[in-house]
Structure formats: structure tokens, C-alpha cells
Amino acid sequence: MMTKTDLKRQPVSSLKRIANYMGIIVPRDFSRDDIFETICDRLGSPEENRVGWWLLDQWK
């Protein structure tokens, strides 16, 4: 299962692909942290949504 730390370490291109896969539109002015926070907001906490965070393992 991917953790928030693992997700934060992903390159920007991977974060954008993950966001796109999740149906999140990423404006050009979004920073790396904005994309990370948006993904985390969509998934919720790893304790409550284990399946969503587990599925992120495909992006490692």
C-alpha cells in the first residue's frame, strides 16, 4: 500500500498521471504540492480508504 510519503516522493509527471486517472483536472498553475494535496483529498486517509491507497501501488 502506498503511503502519503511514497506519493509525495513521486515525480510531478506521475502525480499528473495519477490525477488524470482519478478524473482530477490539473490546471497549469498547480504546483507539485497542490496536485499532491488534491489527490490526498480525493482519496481520504489511508486508514479509511485502504483500497484506494492500495491501488496506487501500480504507480510505483
PDB file of N, CA and C in Angstrom:
ATOM      1  N   MET A   1       0.855  -1.181   0.000  1.00  0.00           N
ATOM      2  CA  MET A   1       0.000   0.000   0.000  1.00  0.00           C
ATOM      3  C   MET A   1       0.892   1.232   0.000  1.00  0.00           C
ATOM      4  N   MET A   2       0.613   2.156  -0.899  1.00  0.00           N
ATOM      5  CA  MET A   2       1.375   3.389  -0.968  1.00  0.00           C
ATOM      6  C   MET A   2       0.991   4.281   0.203  1.00  0.00           C
ATOM      7  N   THR A   3       1.960   4.947   0.768  1.00  0.00           N
ATOM      8  CA  THR A   3       1.715   5.882   1.861  1.00  0.00           C
ATOM      9  C   THR A   3       1.760   7.300   1.312  1.00  0.00           C
ATOM     10  N   LYS A   4       1.368   8.252   2.137  1.00  0.00           N
ATOM     11  CA  LYS A   4       1.432   9.646   1.709  1.00  0.00           C
ATOM     12  C   LYS A   4       2.864  10.060   1.406  1.00  0.00           C
ATOM     13  N   THR A   5       3.816   9.539   2.173  1.00  0.00           N
ATOM     14  CA  THR A   5       5.223   9.849   1.930  1.00  0.00           C
ATOM     15  C   THR A   5       5.671   9.309   0.581  1.00  0.00           C
ATOM     16  N   ASP A   6       5.260   8.079   0.263  1.00  0.00           N
ATOM     17  CA  ASP A   6       5.594   7.498  -1.043  1.00  0.00           C
ATOM     18  C   ASP A   6       4.989   8.323  -2.169  1.00  0.00           C
ATOM     19  N   LEU A   7       3.755   8.750  -1.989  1.00  0.00           N
ATOM     20  CA  LEU A   7       3.080   9.546  -3.005  1.00  0.00           C
ATOM     21  C   LEU A   7       3.789  10.885  -3.186  1.00  0.00           C
ATOM     22  N   LYS A   8       4.197  11.503  -2.092  1.00  0.00           N
ATOM     23  CA  LYS A   8       4.858  12.799  -2.172  1.00  0.00           C
ATOM     24  C   LYS A   8       6.206  12.691  -2.889  1.00  0.00           C
ATOM     25  N   ARG A   9       6.857  11.544  -2.832  1.00  0.00           N
ATOM     26  CA  ARG A   9       8.155  11.335  -3.483  1.00  0.00           C
ATOM     27  C   ARG A   9       8.041  11.086  -4.983  1.00  0.00           C
ATOM     28  N   GLN A  10       6.840  10.868  -5.482  1.00  0.00           N
ATOM     29  CA  GLN A  10       6.647  10.603  -6.909  1.00  0.00           C
ATOM     30  C   GLN A  10       6.999  11.843  -7.726  1.00  0.00           C
ATOM     31  N   PRO A  11       7.538  11.647  -8.933  1.00  0.00           N
ATOM     32  CA  PRO A  11       7.800  12.807  -9.793  1.00  0.00           C
ATOM     33  C   PRO A  11       6.495  13.482 -10.210  1.00  0.00           C
ATOM     34  N   VAL A  12       6.609  14.730 -10.611  1.00  0.00           N
ATOM     35  CA  VAL A  12       5.425  15.517 -10.997  1.00  0.00           C
ATOM     36  C   VAL A  12       4.658  14.831 -12.120  1.00  0.00           C
ATOM     37  N   SER A  13       5.374  14.247 -13.071  1.00  0.00           N
ATOM     38  CA  SER A  13       4.693  13.589 -14.186  1.00  0.00           C
ATOM     39  C   SER A  13       3.817  12.437 -13.697  1.00  0.00           C
ATOM     40  N   SER A  14       4.298  11.686 -12.717  1.00  0.00           N
ATOM     41  CA  SER A  14       3.494  10.593 -12.161  1.00  0.00           C
ATOM     42  C   SER A  14       2.288  11.135 -11.399  1.00  0.00           C
ATOM     43  N   LEU A  15       2.498  12.201 -10.649  1.00  0.00           N
ATOM     44  CA  LEU A  15       1.371  12.798  -9.919  1.00  0.00           C
ATOM     45  C   LEU A  15       0.300  13.274 -10.892  1.00  0.00           C
ATOM     46  N   LYS A  16       0.715  13.864 -12.003  1.00  0.00           N
ATOM     47  CA  LYS A  16      -0.257  14.324 -13.005  1.00  0.00           C
ATOM     48  C   LYS A  16      -0.996  13.151 -13.633  1.00  0.00           C
ATOM     49  N   ARG A  17      -0.277  12.048 -13.901  1.00  0.00           N
ATOM     50  CA  ARG A  17      -0.931  10.860 -14.466  1.00  0.00           C
ATOM     51  C   ARG A  17      -1.924  10.259 -13.483  1.00  0.00           C
ATOM     52  N   ILE A  18      -1.541  10.207 -12.215  1.00  0.00           N
ATOM     53  CA  ILE A  18      -2.447   9.680 -11.182  1.00  0.00           C
ATOM     54  C   ILE A  18      -3.692  10.556 -11.099  1.00  0.00           C
ATOM     55  N   ALA A  19      -3.495  11.874 -11.081  1.00  0.00           N
ATOM     56  CA  ALA A  19      -4.631  12.792 -11.015  1.00  0.00           C
ATOM     57  C   ALA A  19      -5.532  12.624 -12.228  1.00  0.00           C
ATOM     58  N   ASN A  20      -4.942  12.498 -13.400  1.00  0.00           N
ATOM     59  CA  ASN A  20      -5.720  12.313 -14.621  1.00  0.00           C
ATOM     60  C   ASN A  20      -6.506  11.010 -14.557  1.00  0.00           C
ATOM     61  N   TYR A  21      -5.874   9.951 -14.076  1.00  0.00           N
ATOM     62  CA  TYR A  21      -6.532   8.649 -13.936  1.00  0.00           C
ATOM     63  C   TYR A  21      -7.728   8.737 -12.988  1.00  0.00           C
ATOM     64  N   MET A  22      -7.599   9.589 -11.949  1.00  0.00           N
ATOM     65  CA  MET A  22      -8.667   9.742 -10.963  1.00  0.00           C
ATOM     66  C   MET A  22      -9.742  10.731 -11.423  1.00  0.00           C
ATOM     67  N   GLY A  23      -9.552  11.327 -12.596  1.00  0.00           N
ATOM     68  CA  GLY A  23     -10.534  12.272 -13.113  1.00  0.00           C
ATOM     69  C   GLY A  23     -10.364  13.671 -12.560  1.00  0.00           C
ATOM     70  N   ILE A  24      -9.186  13.980 -12.040  1.00  0.00           N
ATOM     71  CA  ILE A  24      -8.910  15.311 -11.500  1.00  0.00           C
ATOM     72  C   ILE A  24      -8.281  16.150 -12.602  1.00  0.00           C
ATOM     73  N   ILE A  25      -8.865  17.292 -12.863  1.00  0.00           N
ATOM     74  CA  ILE A  25      -8.314  18.210 -13.854  1.00  0.00           C
ATOM     75  C   ILE A  25      -7.254  19.056 -13.163  1.00  0.00           C
ATOM     76  N   VAL A  26      -6.031  19.023 -13.702  1.00  0.00           N
ATOM     77  CA  VAL A  26      -4.908  19.742 -13.105  1.00  0.00           C
ATOM     78  C   VAL A  26      -4.628  20.996 -13.932  1.00  0.00           C
ATOM     79  N   PRO A  27      -4.970  22.178 -13.387  1.00  0.00           N
ATOM     80  CA  PRO A  27      -4.652  23.419 -14.101  1.00  0.00           C
ATOM     81  C   PRO A  27      -3.139  23.614 -14.209  1.00  0.00           C
ATOM     82  N   ARG A  28      -2.706  24.371 -15.186  1.00  0.00           N
ATOM     83  CA  ARG A  28      -1.276  24.600 -15.402  1.00  0.00           C
ATOM     84  C   ARG A  28      -0.602  25.288 -14.228  1.00  0.00           C
ATOM     85  N   ASP A  29      -1.330  26.094 -13.492  1.00  0.00           N
ATOM     86  CA  ASP A  29      -0.706  26.835 -12.399  1.00  0.00           C
ATOM     87  C   ASP A  29      -0.647  26.038 -11.088  1.00  0.00           C
ATOM     88  N   PHE A  30      -1.066  24.782 -11.109  1.00  0.00           N
ATOM     89  CA  PHE A  30      -0.966  23.932  -9.917  1.00  0.00           C
ATOM     90  C   PHE A  30       0.492  23.570  -9.679  1.00  0.00           C
ATOM     91  N   SER A  31       0.921  23.687  -8.438  1.00  0.00           N
ATOM     92  CA  SER A  31       2.270  23.250  -8.080  1.00  0.00           C
ATOM     93  C   SER A  31       2.236  21.759  -7.747  1.00  0.00           C
ATOM     94  N   ARG A  32       3.401  21.212  -7.519  1.00  0.00           N
ATOM     95  CA  ARG A  32       3.516  19.800  -7.155  1.00  0.00           C
ATOM     96  C   ARG A  32       2.730  19.514  -5.875  1.00  0.00           C
ATOM     97  N   ASP A  33       2.850  20.415  -4.896  1.00  0.00           N
ATOM     98  CA  ASP A  33       2.130  20.232  -3.633  1.00  0.00           C
ATOM     99  C   ASP A  33       0.619  20.335  -3.811  1.00  0.00           C
ATOM    100  N   ASP A  34       0.178  21.205  -4.726  1.00  0.00           N
ATOM    101  CA  ASP A  34      -1.263  21.319  -4.999  1.00  0.00           C
ATOM    102  C   ASP A  34      -1.816  20.003  -5.553  1.00  0.00           C
ATOM    103  N   ILE A  35      -1.065  19.406  -6.481  1.00  0.00           N
ATOM    104  CA  ILE A  35      -1.503  18.135  -7.064  1.00  0.00           C
ATOM    105  C   ILE A  35      -1.541  17.055  -5.993  1.00  0.00           C
ATOM    106  N   PHE A  36      -0.491  16.999  -5.167  1.00  0.00           N
ATOM    107  CA  PHE A  36      -0.415  16.025  -4.083  1.00  0.00           C
ATOM    108  C   PHE A  36      -1.592  16.181  -3.129  1.00  0.00           C
ATOM    109  N   GLU A  37      -1.875  17.403  -2.707  1.00  0.00           N
ATOM    110  CA  GLU A  37      -2.979  17.652  -1.766  1.00  0.00           C
ATOM    111  C   GLU A  37      -4.327  17.296  -2.386  1.00  0.00           C
ATOM    112  N   THR A  38      -4.503  17.578  -3.667  1.00  0.00           N
ATOM    113  CA  THR A  38      -5.760  17.254  -4.335  1.00  0.00           C
ATOM    114  C   THR A  38      -5.986  15.744  -4.383  1.00  0.00           C
ATOM    115  N   ILE A  39      -4.934  14.997  -4.686  1.00  0.00           N
ATOM    116  CA  ILE A  39      -5.036  13.535  -4.710  1.00  0.00           C
ATOM    117  C   ILE A  39      -5.361  13.010  -3.314  1.00  0.00           C
ATOM    118  N   CYS A  40      -4.671  13.539  -2.302  1.00  0.00           N
ATOM    119  CA  CYS A  40      -4.911  13.096  -0.926  1.00  0.00           C
ATOM    120  C   CYS A  40      -6.335  13.434  -0.478  1.00  0.00           C
ATOM    121  N   ASP A  41      -6.826  14.611  -0.866  1.00  0.00           N
ATOM    122  CA  ASP A  41      -8.200  14.993  -0.525  1.00  0.00           C
ATOM    123  C   ASP A  41      -9.198  14.031  -1.160  1.00  0.00           C
ATOM    124  N   ARG A  42      -8.952  13.651  -2.393  1.00  0.00           N
ATOM    125  CA  ARG A  42      -9.866  12.751  -3.099  1.00  0.00           C
ATOM    126  C   ARG A  42      -9.864  11.357  -2.464  1.00  0.00           C
ATOM    127  N   LEU A  43      -8.675  10.871  -2.074  1.00  0.00           N
ATOM    128  CA  LEU A  43      -8.580   9.516  -1.525  1.00  0.00           C
ATOM    129  C   LEU A  43      -8.985   9.428  -0.058  1.00  0.00           C
ATOM    130  N   GLY A  44      -8.806  10.496   0.691  1.00  0.00           N
ATOM    131  CA  GLY A  44      -9.057  10.444   2.123  1.00  0.00           C
ATOM    132  C   GLY A  44      -7.854   9.843   2.833  1.00  0.00           C
ATOM    133  N   SER A  45      -8.031   9.473   4.054  1.00  0.00           N
ATOM    134  CA  SER A  45      -6.904   8.936   4.822  1.00  0.00           C
ATOM    135  C   SER A  45      -6.659   7.473   4.448  1.00  0.00           C
ATOM    136  N   PRO A  46      -5.393   7.040   4.516  1.00  0.00           N
ATOM    137  CA  PRO A  46      -5.081   5.644   4.200  1.00  0.00           C
ATOM    138  C   PRO A  46      -5.771   4.657   5.137  1.00  0.00           C
ATOM    139  N   GLU A  47      -6.059   5.072   6.360  1.00  0.00           N
ATOM    140  CA  GLU A  47      -6.727   4.175   7.302  1.00  0.00           C
ATOM    141  C   GLU A  47      -8.186   3.937   6.919  1.00  0.00           C
ATOM    142  N   GLU A  48      -8.832   4.944   6.344  1.00  0.00           N
ATOM    143  CA  GLU A  48     -10.251   4.832   5.992  1.00  0.00           C
ATOM    144  C   GLU A  48     -10.461   4.263   4.596  1.00  0.00           C
ATOM    145  N   ASN A  49      -9.525   4.501   3.684  1.00  0.00           N
ATOM    146  CA  ASN A  49      -9.684   4.075   2.297  1.00  0.00           C
ATOM    147  C   ASN A  49      -8.483   3.243   1.874  1.00  0.00           C
ATOM    148  N   ARG A  50      -8.360   2.073   2.446  1.00  0.00           N
ATOM    149  CA  ARG A  50      -7.206   1.218   2.140  1.00  0.00           C
ATOM    150  C   ARG A  50      -7.173   0.801   0.673  1.00  0.00           C
ATOM    151  N   VAL A  51      -8.312   0.561   0.071  1.00  0.00           N
ATOM    152  CA  VAL A  51      -8.350   0.085  -1.313  1.00  0.00           C
ATOM    153  C   VAL A  51      -7.811   1.152  -2.256  1.00  0.00           C
ATOM    154  N   GLY A  52      -8.232   2.385  -2.082  1.00  0.00           N
ATOM    155  CA  GLY A  52      -7.753   3.470  -2.942  1.00  0.00           C
ATOM    156  C   GLY A  52      -6.249   3.646  -2.861  1.00  0.00           C
ATOM    157  N   TRP A  53      -5.722   3.616  -1.660  1.00  0.00           N
ATOM    158  CA  TRP A  53      -4.272   3.763  -1.484  1.00  0.00           C
ATOM    159  C   TRP A  53      -3.534   2.523  -1.968  1.00  0.00           C
ATOM    160  N   TRP A  54      -4.146   1.359  -1.817  1.00  0.00           N
ATOM    161  CA  TRP A  54      -3.532   0.128  -2.293  1.00  0.00           C
ATOM    162  C   TRP A  54      -3.429   0.140  -3.816  1.00  0.00           C
ATOM    163  N   LEU A  55      -4.443   0.673  -4.483  1.00  0.00           N
ATOM    164  CA  LEU A  55      -4.436   0.722  -5.941  1.00  0.00           C
ATOM    165  C   LEU A  55      -3.353   1.661  -6.480  1.00  0.00           C
ATOM    166  N   LEU A  56      -2.882   2.594  -5.659  1.00  0.00           N
ATOM    167  CA  LEU A  56      -1.810   3.481  -6.106  1.00  0.00           C
ATOM    168  C   LEU A  56      -0.472   2.754  -6.252  1.00  0.00           C
ATOM    169  N   ASP A  57      -0.373   1.553  -5.731  1.00  0.00           N
ATOM    170  CA  ASP A  57       0.863   0.777  -5.867  1.00  0.00           C
ATOM    171  C   ASP A  57       1.239   0.541  -7.322  1.00  0.00           C
ATOM    172  N   GLN A  58       0.268   0.560  -8.217  1.00  0.00           N
ATOM    173  CA  GLN A  58       0.575   0.366  -9.630  1.00  0.00           C
ATOM    174  C   GLN A  58       1.422   1.510 -10.190  1.00  0.00           C
ATOM    175  N   TRP A  59       1.479   2.638  -9.504  1.00  0.00           N
ATOM    176  CA  TRP A  59       2.241   3.799  -9.976  1.00  0.00           C
ATOM    177  C   TRP A  59       3.659   3.834  -9.420  1.00  0.00           C
ATOM    178  N   LYS A  60       4.018   2.860  -8.581  1.00  0.00           N
ATOM    179  CA  LYS A  60       5.385   2.832  -8.018  1.00  0.00           C
ATOM    180  C   LYS A  60       6.399   2.472  -9.051  1.00  0.00           C
TER     181      LYS A  60
END
